[in-house]
Amino acid sequence: MRRNAVLLLYDAPLYRDWAFWLTASLAVLTGWAIGTSPPSPGIPLWLDTSLAVLFFTTVGGIIPAAFRLQLRKWRWRWRQAHTGVRSKEPPRGDQPKHGPSHVEAPSPARIDRPSVRATGPRQEAALPPHQPTVESGVGAGAPEASANVFPLSKGNSQAESVDALSQARLLLPYPAARAARSISLAANPKEQYEGILDTGEALTLTLGLTAAAWARAEAPGLEALARLQTAYTGRGLSQGHWHDLIREVAKLSVNNPFALPGLAENVRGGSGLVNDLRTILAERNRWAHGARPHDNSEAAVRVAEFQPPLERALMRSLFLANTPWVLVKAVSYRRTEGQFRVLGNRAMGDHPEFERIDLDSKVPLADDNFYALGPRGPIDMSPLVVMRYCPTCRQPEAFYADRTDPKQGVSLKSFGRGHVIFDPTLEQELSTIAGAVAQ
């Protein structure tokens, strides 16, 4: 919602602003009441109605909206003077003389990126050294081992925070990168605090879904997958289920030449990735049970406490740049080469318009399906992650499987907004997730 964007009084979009509806309803009710009443002597009905509408809408609608604008200006000045986090911009009509003081991290959309093809090694800014080949296929040689452990600073300066968020927005799969973007765009400490909790959940889902898809392909019958399958048919999955799965897949990845590059190195250990995510989860549970901050001052204290573990988790998760998500759009077979040409969208970074990608694969891939490009080739992410039309957003959105409903099928929840739709066609595949056969 853009505050005071319409006539400096009403928020955009108008249908979400109570002050607009108050003004409009007063105008309609006054016009109807005066227009249907007996005319006043000596004054035309149209003039009487117009004056009444003008008076009541001004007193009951426009003046409260103007008072709200002044209140917002006062609150913005108070935040600038008393909190440690500065707002990006003041309410409309009260711009500072020297411009806004907030410096936002550069958007990945403004960073030049080279074109991406799977037929050769890719070069990308700040990417870890190891790059898996997309066209390797089953039976290809193992990739060169790489630790992919990212250095972490003990400090937590503002520059380091911006760097962690900007790298996450650029290099992580779309669900996690999009959530990290919400922290950079937060206007006050409360929004920052909620963005930290949402980003912790999105990062947990991104890591867990990628690990689960890899385990289905490389380790069918894994006990963690069986527990995942049971949770899907029960009350649904919690973040704790994903944390346990990530740990088990990380243990399985040790000394495995086809493991997800960097997973084992960044998860194992008492102060690893999962521990930081559990710290964020514990605070989210407090928030869900009513212990949320009451004002921006309290929220700023919690931001200072929980942003460092989130940033460590984001930095440790950058190894996911080596296993990019791709949404396949079209596949054609090249008979002379014995390979499939795949046209798709690279679902990485925080921009909702995915980058086009052209790659070669030795195995056929399904249209409109998500794949993670692992060390041995594309890893099918369906039914864990799918692209479906969202009737609420009125556009295609990325969804993840949340639970199974006995009457309506698989409950799919969209990343970010949490909109829920049901797809009965995925129920059979999700019910056998633990026994999937590796391809």
Protein backbone atom coordinates (compact mmCIF):
# COMPACT_ATOMS: atom_id res chain seq x y z
CA MET A 1 0.00 0.00 0.00
CA ARG A 2 1.34 3.44 -1.03
CA ARG A 3 0.45 5.93 1.64
CA ASN A 4 -1.07 9.30 0.70
CA ALA A 5 -0.52 8.64 -2.99
CA VAL A 6 -3.93 9.96 -4.12
CA LEU A 7 -4.49 13.71 -3.68
CA LEU A 8 -1.98 13.56 -0.78
CA LEU A 9 -4.87 12.33 1.39
CA TYR A 10 -5.74 8.76 0.44
CA ASP A 11 -3.70 5.57 0.17
CA ALA A 12 -3.33 3.60 -3.02
CA PRO A 13 -4.99 1.36 -3.98
CA LEU A 14 -8.12 3.23 -2.93
CA TYR A 15 -10.19 0.14 -2.22
CA ARG A 16 -7.91 -0.69 0.73
CA ASP A 17 -8.14 2.77 2.37
CA TRP A 18 -10.77 3.25 5.06
CA ALA A 19 -10.62 7.06 4.75
CA PHE A 20 -11.57 6.89 1.08
CA TRP A 21 -14.52 4.62 1.80
CA LEU A 22 -15.63 6.92 4.63
CA THR A 23 -15.56 9.94 2.32
CA ALA A 24 -17.32 8.12 -0.53
CA SER A 25 -20.03 6.65 1.72
CA LEU A 26 -20.75 10.07 3.29
CA ALA A 27 -21.12 11.60 -0.17
CA VAL A 28 -23.50 8.86 -1.35
CA LEU A 29 -25.61 8.77 1.82
CA THR A 30 -25.87 12.56 2.06
CA GLY A 31 -26.83 12.89 -1.59
CA TRP A 32 -29.45 10.17 -1.24
CA ALA A 33 -30.89 11.60 2.01
CA ILE A 34 -31.15 15.21 0.79
CA GLY A 35 -32.18 14.27 -2.73
CA THR A 36 -35.13 12.21 -1.52
CA SER A 37 -36.31 14.69 1.15
CA PRO A 38 -38.79 17.55 0.53
CA PRO A 39 -37.05 20.57 -1.07
CA SER A 40 -36.19 23.55 1.13
CA PRO A 41 -38.13 26.76 0.38
CA GLY A 42 -36.20 29.34 -1.63
CA ILE A 43 -33.29 27.04 -2.66
CA PRO A 44 -33.16 24.62 -5.62
CA LEU A 45 -32.92 20.92 -4.75
CA TRP A 46 -29.70 20.42 -6.73
CA LEU A 47 -27.96 23.27 -4.88
CA ASP A 48 -29.21 22.06 -1.51
CA THR A 49 -27.93 18.55 -2.24
CA SER A 50 -24.55 19.78 -3.49
CA LEU A 51 -23.94 21.99 -0.46
CA ALA A 52 -24.91 19.21 1.93
CA VAL A 53 -22.64 16.68 0.21
CA LEU A 54 -19.73 19.15 0.24
CA PHE A 55 -20.19 19.97 3.91
CA PHE A 56 -20.55 16.43 5.26
CA THR A 57 -17.76 14.92 3.11
CA THR A 58 -15.43 17.73 4.16
CA VAL A 59 -16.20 17.45 7.87
CA GLY A 60 -16.54 13.67 8.07
CA GLY A 61 -14.12 12.52 5.35
CA ILE A 62 -11.56 15.04 4.08
CA ILE A 63 -10.68 16.59 7.44
CA PRO A 64 -10.01 13.16 9.09
CA ALA A 65 -7.85 12.19 6.10
CA ALA A 66 -5.88 15.44 6.43
CA PHE A 67 -5.50 14.85 10.17
CA ARG A 68 -4.17 11.33 9.41
CA LEU A 69 -1.60 12.83 7.05
CA GLN A 70 -0.34 15.19 9.73
CA LEU A 71 -0.22 12.34 12.25
CA ARG A 72 1.87 10.26 9.87
CA LYS A 73 4.25 13.17 9.34
CA TRP A 74 4.67 13.54 13.08
CA ARG A 75 5.27 9.77 13.54
CA TRP A 76 7.81 9.77 10.72
CA ARG A 77 9.76 12.66 12.29
CA TRP A 78 9.64 10.93 15.67
CA ARG A 79 11.03 7.70 14.18
CA GLN A 80 13.82 9.60 12.46
CA ALA A 81 14.81 11.16 15.77
CA HIS A 82 14.34 8.26 18.23
CA THR A 83 14.93 4.94 16.44
CA GLY A 84 18.06 3.44 15.01
CA VAL A 85 16.45 2.45 11.72
CA ARG A 86 15.64 5.25 9.31
CA SER A 87 12.59 5.17 7.09
CA LYS A 88 13.08 5.20 3.34
CA GLU A 89 10.86 8.20 2.75
CA PRO A 90 8.44 10.40 4.66
CA PRO A 91 4.70 10.56 3.92
CA ARG A 92 3.77 12.44 0.77
CA GLY A 93 3.85 16.21 1.07
CA ASP A 94 6.71 16.30 3.61
CA GLN A 95 9.86 15.43 1.64
CA PRO A 96 13.13 16.48 3.34
CA LYS A 97 15.13 19.27 1.72
CA HIS A 98 18.22 17.18 1.10
CA GLY A 99 16.54 14.00 -0.12
CA PRO A 100 15.93 10.71 1.66
CA SER A 101 18.72 9.48 3.90
CA HIS A 102 18.13 5.76 3.43
CA VAL A 103 20.60 3.98 1.15
CA GLU A 104 19.11 0.83 -0.35
CA ALA A 105 21.14 -2.14 -1.48
CA PRO A 106 21.51 -2.25 -5.28
CA SER A 107 18.79 -4.29 -6.95
CA PRO A 108 19.92 -7.41 -8.79
CA ALA A 109 17.74 -6.30 -11.69
CA ARG A 110 20.21 -3.41 -12.28
CA ILE A 111 23.29 -5.64 -12.28
CA ASP A 112 24.41 -6.77 -15.70
CA ARG A 113 24.34 -10.53 -16.02
CA PRO A 114 25.82 -12.58 -18.84
CA SER A 115 23.61 -14.92 -20.82
CA VAL A 116 23.37 -18.40 -19.34
CA ARG A 117 23.85 -21.63 -21.25
CA ALA A 118 24.22 -25.10 -19.86
CA THR A 119 26.77 -26.18 -22.46
CA GLY A 120 29.64 -24.48 -20.67
CA PRO A 121 30.67 -23.13 -17.27
CA ARG A 122 28.75 -20.07 -16.19
CA GLN A 123 30.30 -16.88 -14.87
CA GLU A 124 28.30 -14.82 -12.40
CA ALA A 125 29.11 -12.12 -9.90
CA ALA A 126 30.06 -13.34 -6.42
CA LEU A 127 29.32 -16.95 -7.36
CA PRO A 128 31.18 -19.65 -5.42
CA PRO A 129 33.99 -21.33 -7.36
CA HIS A 130 32.33 -24.66 -8.12
CA GLN A 131 29.80 -24.75 -10.96
CA PRO A 132 27.84 -27.99 -11.62
CA THR A 133 27.22 -28.89 -15.26
CA VAL A 134 23.60 -29.16 -16.29
CA GLU A 135 24.14 -31.57 -19.14
CA SER A 136 26.09 -34.17 -17.20
CA GLY A 137 23.20 -36.66 -17.01
CA VAL A 138 23.08 -39.93 -15.12
CA GLY A 139 26.33 -41.79 -15.13
CA ALA A 140 28.56 -38.80 -15.85
CA GLY A 141 31.73 -38.22 -13.94
CA ALA A 142 31.58 -36.69 -10.49
CA PRO A 143 32.22 -32.96 -10.19
CA GLU A 144 35.34 -31.69 -8.57
CA ALA A 145 34.96 -31.44 -4.80
CA SER A 146 34.50 -27.97 -3.35
CA ALA A 147 34.00 -26.95 0.23
CA ASN A 148 31.90 -23.85 -0.50
CA VAL A 149 32.25 -22.58 3.06
CA PHE A 150 31.72 -18.83 3.14
CA PRO A 151 33.75 -16.63 5.49
CA LEU A 152 31.69 -15.00 8.22
CA SER A 153 32.66 -11.85 10.03
CA LYS A 154 32.29 -11.66 13.78
CA GLY A 155 31.06 -8.10 13.47
CA ASN A 156 27.73 -6.97 12.19
CA SER A 157 28.20 -3.56 10.62
CA GLN A 158 25.61 -1.96 8.41
CA ALA A 159 27.81 -2.56 5.36
CA GLU A 160 28.01 -6.28 6.17
CA SER A 161 24.24 -6.46 6.61
CA VAL A 162 23.66 -4.83 3.23
CA ASP A 163 26.21 -7.19 1.65
CA ALA A 164 24.55 -10.30 3.09
CA LEU A 165 21.09 -9.23 1.95
CA SER A 166 22.25 -8.11 -1.50
CA GLN A 167 24.06 -11.40 -2.13
CA ALA A 168 21.04 -13.36 -0.95
CA ARG A 169 18.76 -11.34 -3.24
CA LEU A 170 21.05 -12.01 -6.18
CA LEU A 171 22.17 -15.63 -5.72
CA LEU A 172 19.52 -17.61 -3.82
CA PRO A 173 16.49 -19.34 -5.36
CA TYR A 174 13.51 -17.07 -5.86
CA PRO A 175 11.50 -17.89 -2.67
CA ALA A 176 14.40 -17.08 -0.33
CA ALA A 177 15.68 -14.15 -2.41
CA ARG A 178 12.22 -12.59 -2.54
CA ALA A 179 11.88 -12.81 1.24
CA ALA A 180 15.31 -11.23 1.76
CA ARG A 181 14.20 -8.36 -0.46
CA SER A 182 11.39 -7.54 1.98
CA ILE A 183 13.98 -6.75 4.68
CA SER A 184 15.82 -4.33 2.40
CA LEU A 185 12.57 -2.55 1.58
CA ALA A 186 11.23 -2.40 5.15
CA ALA A 187 10.11 1.10 6.14
CA ASN A 188 10.34 0.68 9.93
CA PRO A 189 11.67 -1.73 12.58
CA LYS A 190 8.37 -3.61 12.81
CA GLU A 191 8.46 -4.41 9.11
CA GLN A 192 12.13 -5.40 9.41
CA TYR A 193 11.31 -7.72 12.31
CA GLU A 194 8.50 -9.43 10.41
CA GLY A 195 10.72 -9.64 7.33
CA ILE A 196 13.39 -11.47 9.36
CA LEU A 197 10.85 -14.06 10.52
CA ASP A 198 9.44 -14.50 7.01
CA THR A 199 12.91 -14.81 5.48
CA GLY A 200 13.88 -17.47 8.03
CA GLU A 201 10.83 -19.50 7.04
CA ALA A 202 11.40 -19.00 3.30
CA LEU A 203 15.06 -20.01 3.61
CA THR A 204 14.09 -23.12 5.58
CA LEU A 205 11.57 -24.09 2.88
CA THR A 206 14.05 -23.44 0.06
CA LEU A 207 16.78 -25.54 1.68
CA GLY A 208 14.37 -28.30 2.74
CA LEU A 209 12.62 -28.61 -0.61
CA THR A 210 15.93 -28.72 -2.49
CA ALA A 211 17.32 -31.33 -0.08
CA ALA A 212 14.14 -33.43 -0.29
CA ALA A 213 14.17 -33.39 -4.11
CA TRP A 214 17.84 -34.47 -4.09
CA ALA A 215 17.13 -37.26 -1.59
CA ARG A 216 14.27 -38.60 -3.74
CA ALA A 217 16.65 -38.87 -6.70
CA GLU A 218 19.78 -40.08 -4.92
CA ALA A 219 18.58 -41.83 -1.73
CA PRO A 220 15.05 -43.24 -2.15
CA GLY A 221 13.79 -44.93 0.99
CA LEU A 222 15.57 -42.50 3.29
CA GLU A 223 13.98 -42.46 6.75
CA ALA A 224 13.68 -38.66 6.66
CA LEU A 225 11.61 -38.95 3.47
CA ALA A 226 9.33 -41.45 5.17
CA ARG A 227 8.72 -39.02 8.03
CA LEU A 228 8.10 -36.30 5.47
CA GLN A 229 5.50 -38.46 3.74
CA THR A 230 3.76 -39.19 7.05
CA ALA A 231 3.67 -35.49 7.93
CA TYR A 232 2.15 -34.62 4.55
CA THR A 233 -0.76 -36.98 5.14
CA GLY A 234 -1.21 -35.76 8.74
CA ARG A 235 -1.36 -32.19 10.04
CA GLY A 236 1.15 -30.88 7.54
CA LEU A 237 4.81 -29.94 7.75
CA SER A 238 6.39 -27.58 10.24
CA GLN A 239 9.77 -25.90 9.98
CA GLY A 240 11.08 -28.48 12.44
CA HIS A 241 10.40 -31.26 9.91
CA TRP A 242 12.49 -29.42 7.33
CA HIS A 243 15.33 -28.79 9.80
CA ASP A 244 15.55 -32.52 10.60
CA LEU A 245 15.50 -33.41 6.91
CA ILE A 246 18.26 -30.92 6.09
CA ARG A 247 20.47 -32.40 8.84
CA GLU A 248 19.95 -35.99 7.65
CA VAL A 249 20.61 -35.12 4.01
CA ALA A 250 23.75 -33.24 5.08
CA LYS A 251 25.03 -36.34 6.92
CA LEU A 252 24.27 -38.43 3.85
CA SER A 253 26.18 -35.96 1.69
CA VAL A 254 29.51 -36.37 3.47
CA ASN A 255 32.04 -37.93 1.05
CA ASN A 256 29.26 -38.35 -1.53
CA PRO A 257 30.61 -37.28 -4.95
CA PHE A 258 27.10 -36.43 -6.17
CA ALA A 259 25.98 -34.46 -3.10
CA LEU A 260 24.65 -30.93 -3.32
CA PRO A 261 27.84 -28.83 -3.38
CA GLY A 262 28.37 -27.10 -0.03
CA LEU A 263 25.45 -28.62 1.88
CA ALA A 264 27.42 -30.83 4.25
CA GLU A 265 30.10 -28.20 4.93
CA ASN A 266 27.63 -25.47 5.89
CA VAL A 267 25.14 -27.56 7.89
CA ARG A 268 27.32 -29.76 10.06
CA GLY A 269 28.69 -28.54 13.38
CA GLY A 270 27.13 -27.15 16.54
CA SER A 271 27.02 -23.57 15.20
CA GLY A 272 25.94 -24.42 11.68
CA LEU A 273 23.19 -23.29 9.37
CA VAL A 274 20.31 -25.21 10.97
CA ASN A 275 21.11 -23.81 14.44
CA ASP A 276 20.75 -20.25 13.14
CA LEU A 277 17.46 -21.15 11.46
CA ARG A 278 16.19 -22.68 14.69
CA THR A 279 17.03 -19.46 16.51
CA ILE A 280 14.78 -17.58 14.08
CA LEU A 281 12.10 -20.28 14.42
CA ALA A 282 12.09 -19.97 18.24
CA GLU A 283 11.46 -16.24 17.91
CA ARG A 284 8.72 -16.86 15.34
CA ASN A 285 7.00 -19.19 17.78
CA ARG A 286 7.14 -16.45 20.43
CA TRP A 287 5.63 -14.02 17.93
CA ALA A 288 2.86 -16.49 17.01
CA HIS A 289 1.92 -16.92 20.69
CA GLY A 290 1.43 -13.19 21.28
CA ALA A 291 4.92 -12.02 22.29
CA ARG A 292 5.28 -9.65 19.37
CA PRO A 293 6.87 -6.19 19.74
CA HIS A 294 4.41 -3.48 20.75
CA ASP A 295 6.19 -0.54 19.12
CA ASN A 296 9.09 0.29 16.83
CA SER A 297 11.53 0.75 19.71
CA GLU A 298 10.98 -2.79 20.94
CA ALA A 299 11.05 -4.08 17.37
CA ALA A 300 14.43 -2.37 16.79
CA VAL A 301 15.88 -4.23 19.78
CA ARG A 302 14.71 -7.57 18.37
CA VAL A 303 16.02 -6.71 14.91
CA ALA A 304 19.45 -6.13 16.43
CA GLU A 305 19.23 -9.53 18.17
CA PHE A 306 17.91 -11.72 15.34
CA GLN A 307 19.26 -10.15 12.17
CA PRO A 308 22.84 -11.47 12.78
CA PRO A 309 21.81 -15.18 12.91
CA LEU A 310 19.63 -14.67 9.84
CA GLU A 311 22.50 -13.07 7.93
CA ARG A 312 24.80 -15.93 8.91
CA ALA A 313 22.17 -18.38 7.64
CA LEU A 314 21.85 -16.46 4.38
CA MET A 315 25.61 -16.42 3.84
CA ARG A 316 25.90 -20.13 4.63
CA SER A 317 23.08 -20.84 2.15
CA LEU A 318 24.81 -19.22 -0.82
CA PHE A 319 25.98 -22.67 -1.89
CA LEU A 320 22.47 -23.02 -3.38
CA ALA A 321 23.73 -20.82 -6.22
CA ASN A 322 25.48 -23.99 -7.42
CA THR A 323 22.11 -25.79 -7.63
CA PRO A 324 19.88 -23.29 -9.44
CA TRP A 325 16.14 -23.76 -9.85
CA VAL A 326 14.86 -23.79 -13.43
CA LEU A 327 11.27 -23.68 -14.67
CA VAL A 328 11.12 -25.60 -17.95
CA LYS A 329 9.03 -23.99 -20.70
CA ALA A 330 9.74 -26.09 -23.82
CA VAL A 331 11.77 -29.18 -24.69
CA SER A 332 12.81 -30.43 -28.14
CA TYR A 333 14.92 -33.46 -29.12
CA ARG A 334 18.05 -33.01 -31.22
CA ARG A 335 18.30 -36.29 -33.08
CA THR A 336 21.77 -35.74 -34.51
CA GLU A 337 23.21 -34.87 -31.10
CA GLY A 338 21.21 -37.34 -29.03
CA GLN A 339 20.28 -34.59 -26.56
CA PHE A 340 17.30 -32.48 -25.58
CA ARG A 341 17.30 -28.72 -26.00
CA VAL A 342 15.55 -27.12 -23.03
CA LEU A 343 14.18 -23.59 -22.96
CA GLY A 344 13.23 -22.34 -19.52
CA ASN A 345 13.38 -19.64 -16.88
CA ARG A 346 16.08 -19.46 -14.23
CA ALA A 347 14.16 -19.04 -10.95
CA MET A 348 17.02 -17.39 -9.07
CA GLY A 349 17.22 -13.95 -7.50
CA ASP A 350 14.47 -11.69 -6.18
CA HIS A 351 13.08 -10.43 -9.49
CA PRO A 352 9.67 -11.95 -10.36
CA GLU A 353 10.53 -11.93 -14.08
CA PHE A 354 12.81 -14.95 -14.35
CA GLU A 355 15.85 -14.89 -16.62
CA ARG A 356 15.60 -16.95 -19.80
CA ILE A 357 17.92 -19.95 -20.00
CA ASP A 358 18.86 -22.29 -22.87
CA LEU A 359 20.46 -25.60 -21.90
CA ASP A 360 21.10 -29.13 -23.11
CA SER A 361 20.00 -32.24 -21.23
CA LYS A 362 20.62 -35.94 -21.82
CA VAL A 363 17.23 -36.80 -20.24
CA PRO A 364 13.78 -35.50 -21.23
CA LEU A 365 12.23 -32.89 -18.96
CA ALA A 366 8.57 -31.97 -18.43
CA ASP A 367 7.16 -28.62 -19.51
CA ASP A 368 6.05 -26.17 -16.79
CA ASN A 369 7.98 -28.16 -14.19
CA PHE A 370 10.61 -27.00 -11.69
CA TYR A 371 14.03 -28.68 -11.71
CA ALA A 372 17.10 -28.14 -9.54
CA LEU A 373 20.28 -28.45 -11.60
CA GLY A 374 22.30 -30.87 -9.48
CA PRO A 375 25.73 -32.45 -9.97
CA ARG A 376 24.28 -35.41 -11.93
CA GLY A 377 21.78 -33.42 -13.93
CA PRO A 378 18.28 -31.99 -13.48
CA ILE A 379 16.45 -33.02 -10.28
CA ASP A 380 12.65 -33.11 -10.55
CA MET A 381 11.08 -30.94 -7.82
CA SER A 382 7.48 -31.95 -8.46
CA PRO A 383 5.25 -32.46 -6.48
CA LEU A 384 7.20 -30.54 -3.82
CA VAL A 385 7.37 -27.32 -5.86
CA VAL A 386 5.01 -26.54 -8.72
CA MET A 387 3.88 -23.60 -10.83
CA ARG A 388 0.11 -23.03 -10.75
CA TYR A 389 -2.36 -20.26 -11.52
CA CYS A 390 -3.29 -18.35 -8.37
CA PRO A 391 -6.93 -17.17 -8.45
CA THR A 392 -6.18 -14.56 -5.78
CA CYS A 393 -3.17 -13.01 -7.54
CA ARG A 394 -4.68 -13.76 -10.99
CA GLN A 395 -1.35 -14.89 -12.36
CA PRO A 396 0.92 -17.98 -12.26
CA GLU A 397 2.75 -18.35 -8.95
CA ALA A 398 5.25 -20.80 -7.44
CA PHE A 399 3.60 -23.07 -4.85
CA TYR A 400 4.94 -25.72 -2.47
CA ALA A 401 3.14 -28.78 -1.12
CA ASP A 402 1.98 -28.11 2.44
CA ARG A 403 -0.23 -31.07 3.35
CA THR A 404 -2.76 -33.55 1.96
CA ASP A 405 -6.48 -32.99 2.38
CA PRO A 406 -8.53 -36.23 2.22
CA LYS A 407 -11.33 -34.52 0.26
CA GLN A 408 -9.64 -31.84 -1.87
CA GLY A 409 -6.23 -33.32 -2.58
CA VAL A 410 -2.84 -31.70 -2.05
CA SER A 411 -2.91 -28.30 -0.36
CA LEU A 412 -0.49 -26.00 -2.16
CA LYS A 413 0.71 -22.78 -0.52
CA SER A 414 2.30 -19.94 -2.47
CA PHE A 415 5.70 -18.62 -1.44
CA GLY A 416 5.55 -15.20 0.16
CA ARG A 417 1.82 -14.49 0.20
CA GLY A 418 0.70 -17.88 1.52
CA HIS A 419 -2.33 -18.24 -0.78
CA VAL A 420 -3.74 -21.77 -0.72
CA ILE A 421 -5.10 -23.83 -3.62
CA PHE A 422 -5.78 -27.56 -3.94
CA ASP A 423 -4.60 -29.98 -6.62
CA PRO A 424 -5.94 -33.56 -6.44
CA THR A 425 -3.71 -34.68 -9.33
CA LEU A 426 -0.59 -34.53 -7.12
CA GLU A 427 -1.98 -36.68 -4.29
CA GLN A 428 -0.77 -40.03 -5.63
CA GLU A 429 2.75 -38.77 -6.31
CA LEU A 430 3.03 -37.07 -2.93
CA SER A 431 1.81 -40.19 -1.10
CA THR A 432 4.75 -42.18 -2.51
CA ILE A 433 7.45 -39.58 -2.05
CA ALA A 434 9.52 -41.79 0.23
CA GLY A 435 9.61 -44.63 -2.29
CA ALA A 436 10.46 -42.69 -5.42
CA VAL A 437 12.95 -44.48 -7.64
CA ALA A 438 16.08 -42.62 -8.60
CA GLN A 439 16.43 -41.87 -12.27
